[in-house]
Amino acid sequence: MTVGDTNRRLSRPAIDRTSATDAAAREIRELILTGELTAGTLIHQGELAEQLGLSRTPLREALQRLQAEGLIRIDNHRGALVTRPTRQDVSEIYEVQILLETTAARWAAEVCTAEDLELVRTALEHHHESPGGISWMESNKAFHTSIYEVARRPVMMEMIGMLRNRAGMYVNFLARSSEGRARADSEHVEMFGALAARDADRLAGLVNQHLQGTLDWLQSVIPD
């Protein structure tokens, strides 16, 4: 699939240049995560810049941002290519996520206030209303983030955020699977219960189990 195949989707007013890089990154990210730009696709920057109503500079900056997220690979000879998911990459991402997120969850349970709990409850309810696809991915991330933010550790949150951005391509596999979403949603409810009980050991264990289960499932569906 080439970028030319996405003309229908990209036939829209030019992006406001004051937020050009952010908007371009958002547009291209969505094209990748919805499968409209498939793994290995060569992105024709001139064509895409014209379709988005952008100059080359913000588009180049957006592609560099997406490369940091692991969605794009910039080849010095071929240009920007959509990354192909690999089992090795997903293993490394999730192994580090498990270390950071179980720690953040433990700290969150130890300091959680009634106000904190209501914010997490709202994030969980919003997540349960998500139909799937990009919406499910975004609300899934928001729910997890709402728990870890309770710990009030900004440096750790920054690191978790970077890893979750890199995991976006892999979470997309989960979002497309009704079975995978159902498992994750059930585990989210258990995690909320542990937070509500201020049970740090249980919450950390549930987060570990949740992320390891997702990793195991992804290893079974990502092609060799």
Protein backbone atom coordinates (compact mmCIF):
# COMPACT_ATOMS: atom_id res chain seq x y z
CA MET A 1 0.00 0.00 0.00
CA THR A 2 1.29 3.49 -0.81
CA VAL A 3 0.42 6.88 0.56
CA GLY A 4 -1.41 7.55 -2.69
CA ASP A 5 -4.00 4.99 -1.60
CA THR A 6 -4.99 7.27 1.27
CA ASN A 7 -6.10 10.26 -0.84
CA ARG A 8 -9.72 9.87 0.15
CA ARG A 9 -8.86 9.95 3.84
CA LEU A 10 -6.51 12.92 3.52
CA SER A 11 -8.76 15.14 1.37
CA ARG A 12 -9.41 17.69 4.12
CA PRO A 13 -8.59 21.35 4.83
CA ALA A 14 -4.94 22.22 5.31
CA ILE A 15 -3.65 21.82 8.86
CA ASP A 16 -3.16 24.98 10.95
CA ARG A 17 0.58 25.58 10.77
CA THR A 18 0.78 26.71 14.40
CA SER A 19 0.34 23.08 15.41
CA ALA A 20 1.56 21.52 12.18
CA THR A 21 4.02 19.05 13.64
CA ASP A 22 1.59 17.79 16.31
CA ALA A 23 -1.24 17.49 13.79
CA ALA A 24 0.92 15.73 11.20
CA ALA A 25 2.18 13.24 13.80
CA ARG A 26 -1.40 12.57 14.90
CA GLU A 27 -2.61 12.04 11.32
CA ILE A 28 0.21 9.71 10.32
CA ARG A 29 0.03 7.80 13.63
CA GLU A 30 -3.67 7.14 13.05
CA LEU A 31 -3.04 5.98 9.47
CA ILE A 32 -0.51 3.48 10.80
CA LEU A 33 -2.54 2.25 13.75
CA THR A 34 -5.69 1.81 11.67
CA GLY A 35 -3.74 -0.16 9.08
CA GLU A 36 -4.20 2.33 6.26
CA LEU A 37 -0.42 2.57 6.11
CA THR A 38 0.75 -1.02 6.47
CA ALA A 39 4.05 -2.35 7.78
CA GLY A 40 6.89 -1.75 5.35
CA THR A 41 5.09 1.04 3.46
CA LEU A 42 7.42 3.68 2.05
CA ILE A 43 6.12 7.15 2.95
CA HIS A 44 6.45 9.59 0.06
CA GLN A 45 7.11 12.77 1.98
CA GLY A 46 6.53 15.23 -0.86
CA GLU A 47 3.15 13.74 -1.71
CA LEU A 48 2.09 13.50 1.93
CA ALA A 49 3.19 17.08 2.68
CA GLU A 50 1.07 18.32 -0.20
CA GLN A 51 -1.97 16.30 0.85
CA LEU A 52 -1.74 17.56 4.44
CA GLY A 53 -1.09 21.14 3.35
CA LEU A 54 2.31 21.22 5.06
CA SER A 55 5.82 22.29 4.31
CA ARG A 56 8.51 19.65 4.45
CA THR A 57 9.93 20.84 7.81
CA PRO A 58 6.96 20.05 10.13
CA LEU A 59 6.38 16.78 8.27
CA ARG A 60 10.01 15.79 8.76
CA GLU A 61 9.73 16.68 12.47
CA ALA A 62 6.55 14.58 12.77
CA LEU A 63 8.27 11.58 11.19
CA GLN A 64 11.19 11.94 13.59
CA ARG A 65 8.75 11.95 16.50
CA LEU A 66 7.06 8.82 15.18
CA GLN A 67 10.46 7.19 14.76
CA ALA A 68 11.06 7.81 18.49
CA GLU A 69 7.72 6.09 19.14
CA GLY A 70 8.83 3.11 17.09
CA LEU A 71 6.16 3.53 14.40
CA ILE A 72 8.49 4.81 11.67
CA ARG A 73 11.97 3.75 10.62
CA ILE A 74 14.00 6.34 8.72
CA ASP A 75 16.40 4.71 6.28
CA ASN A 76 19.17 6.96 4.94
CA HIS A 77 18.79 5.48 1.47
CA ARG A 78 15.08 4.65 1.12
CA GLY A 79 13.47 7.29 3.35
CA ALA A 80 10.72 6.83 5.96
CA LEU A 81 9.17 3.37 6.27
CA VAL A 82 6.38 2.07 8.48
CA THR A 83 7.97 -0.24 11.06
CA ARG A 84 7.33 -3.97 10.94
CA PRO A 85 6.34 -5.31 14.40
CA THR A 86 8.75 -7.89 15.79
CA ARG A 87 8.59 -10.26 18.74
CA GLN A 88 11.99 -9.10 19.96
CA ASP A 89 10.93 -5.45 20.07
CA VAL A 90 7.65 -6.14 21.86
CA SER A 91 9.44 -8.31 24.43
CA GLU A 92 11.94 -5.60 25.27
CA ILE A 93 9.27 -2.89 25.51
CA TYR A 94 6.98 -4.91 27.76
CA GLU A 95 9.75 -6.21 30.00
CA VAL A 96 10.73 -2.62 30.85
CA GLN A 97 7.08 -1.59 31.16
CA ILE A 98 6.53 -4.35 33.71
CA LEU A 99 9.41 -3.07 35.85
CA LEU A 100 8.23 0.54 35.81
CA GLU A 101 4.47 0.08 35.92
CA THR A 102 4.41 -2.45 38.76
CA THR A 103 6.51 -0.04 40.82
CA ALA A 104 4.27 2.91 39.97
CA ALA A 105 1.17 0.87 40.79
CA ARG A 106 2.58 -0.12 44.19
CA TRP A 107 3.39 3.48 45.05
CA ALA A 108 -0.05 4.62 43.82
CA ALA A 109 -1.88 2.20 46.12
CA GLU A 110 0.15 3.42 49.09
CA VAL A 111 -0.81 7.10 48.67
CA CYS A 112 -4.19 6.95 46.90
CA THR A 113 -6.79 9.45 48.17
CA ALA A 114 -10.57 9.39 47.71
CA GLU A 115 -10.21 12.10 45.08
CA ASP A 116 -7.57 10.08 43.23
CA LEU A 117 -9.84 7.05 43.24
CA GLU A 118 -12.71 8.98 41.67
CA LEU A 119 -10.46 10.13 38.83
CA VAL A 120 -9.41 6.53 38.17
CA ARG A 121 -13.04 5.40 38.37
CA THR A 122 -14.00 8.00 35.75
CA ALA A 123 -11.18 6.84 33.46
CA LEU A 124 -12.32 3.22 33.85
CA GLU A 125 -15.96 4.08 33.08
CA HIS A 126 -14.90 6.03 29.99
CA HIS A 127 -12.77 3.10 28.90
CA HIS A 128 -15.71 0.69 29.21
CA GLU A 129 -17.71 2.93 26.86
CA SER A 130 -15.04 2.74 24.14
CA PRO A 131 -16.16 0.66 21.15
CA GLY A 132 -12.73 -0.56 20.06
CA GLY A 133 -10.00 0.49 17.67
CA ILE A 134 -8.25 3.82 18.26
CA SER A 135 -10.85 4.86 20.84
CA TRP A 136 -10.16 1.73 22.92
CA MET A 137 -6.42 2.22 22.64
CA GLU A 138 -6.61 5.82 23.83
CA SER A 139 -8.93 5.10 26.75
CA ASN A 140 -6.85 2.03 27.71
CA LYS A 141 -3.78 4.25 27.93
CA ALA A 142 -5.75 6.90 29.86
CA PHE A 143 -6.92 4.33 32.42
CA HIS A 144 -3.43 3.00 33.10
CA THR A 145 -2.04 6.53 33.23
CA SER A 146 -4.71 7.58 35.74
CA ILE A 147 -3.48 4.89 38.15
CA TYR A 148 0.22 5.62 37.80
CA GLU A 149 -0.26 9.39 38.12
CA VAL A 150 -1.55 8.78 41.65
CA ALA A 151 2.04 7.92 42.62
CA ARG A 152 3.06 11.53 41.80
CA ARG A 153 6.40 10.55 40.28
CA PRO A 154 6.75 12.77 37.17
CA VAL A 155 10.05 11.32 35.94
CA MET A 156 8.68 7.79 36.10
CA MET A 157 5.49 8.95 34.35
CA GLU A 158 7.55 10.43 31.54
CA MET A 159 9.37 7.14 31.07
CA ILE A 160 6.14 5.12 31.18
CA GLY A 161 4.57 7.49 28.66
CA MET A 162 7.46 7.02 26.23
CA LEU A 163 7.20 3.24 26.50
CA ARG A 164 3.42 3.28 26.05
CA ASN A 165 3.85 5.38 22.91
CA ARG A 166 6.30 2.81 21.58
CA ALA A 167 3.88 0.03 22.48
CA GLY A 168 1.09 1.67 20.47
CA MET A 169 1.61 -0.49 17.41
CA TYR A 170 1.37 -3.62 19.55
CA VAL A 171 -1.63 -2.48 21.59
CA ASN A 172 -3.31 -2.02 18.22
CA PHE A 173 -3.23 -5.82 17.78
CA LEU A 174 -5.05 -6.13 21.10
CA ALA A 175 -7.59 -3.44 20.23
CA ARG A 176 -8.59 -5.35 17.10
CA SER A 177 -9.26 -8.56 19.03
CA SER A 178 -12.59 -8.84 20.89
CA GLU A 179 -11.10 -11.67 22.98
CA GLY A 180 -8.03 -9.61 23.82
CA ARG A 181 -10.10 -6.56 24.74
CA ALA A 182 -12.43 -8.62 26.95
CA ARG A 183 -9.50 -10.10 28.88
CA ALA A 184 -7.90 -6.70 29.36
CA ASP A 185 -11.16 -5.04 30.41
CA SER A 186 -11.82 -7.71 33.05
CA GLU A 187 -8.33 -7.27 34.46
CA HIS A 188 -8.78 -3.49 34.56
CA VAL A 189 -11.75 -3.96 36.89
CA GLU A 190 -9.63 -6.11 39.21
CA MET A 191 -6.88 -3.49 39.18
CA PHE A 192 -9.34 -0.78 40.17
CA GLY A 193 -10.59 -2.96 43.02
CA ALA A 194 -7.07 -3.43 44.35
CA LEU A 195 -6.43 0.31 44.17
CA ALA A 196 -9.71 1.01 45.97
CA ALA A 197 -8.62 -1.40 48.72
CA ARG A 198 -5.19 0.30 48.87
CA ASP A 199 -3.70 -3.17 48.46
CA ALA A 200 -0.27 -2.36 47.04
CA ASP A 201 0.94 -5.96 46.73
CA ARG A 202 -2.20 -7.09 44.94
CA LEU A 203 -2.25 -4.13 42.55
CA ALA A 204 1.41 -4.58 41.64
CA GLY A 205 0.78 -8.29 41.06
CA LEU A 206 -2.26 -7.61 38.88
CA VAL A 207 -0.37 -5.07 36.76
CA ASN A 208 2.47 -7.57 36.33
CA GLN A 209 0.02 -10.31 35.34
CA HIS A 210 -1.85 -7.95 33.00
CA LEU A 211 1.24 -6.80 31.11
CA GLN A 212 2.80 -10.28 31.00
CA GLY A 213 -0.47 -11.71 29.69
CA THR A 214 -0.58 -9.07 26.97
CA LEU A 215 3.03 -9.81 26.03
CA ASP A 216 2.36 -13.55 25.86
CA TRP A 217 -0.71 -12.95 23.68
CA LEU A 218 1.18 -10.60 21.36
CA GLN A 219 4.01 -13.13 20.97
CA SER A 220 1.40 -15.59 19.71
CA VAL A 221 -0.08 -13.25 17.06
CA ILE A 222 2.93 -11.31 15.75
CA PRO A 223 4.31 -13.05 12.65
CA ASP A 224 7.82 -14.49 12.79
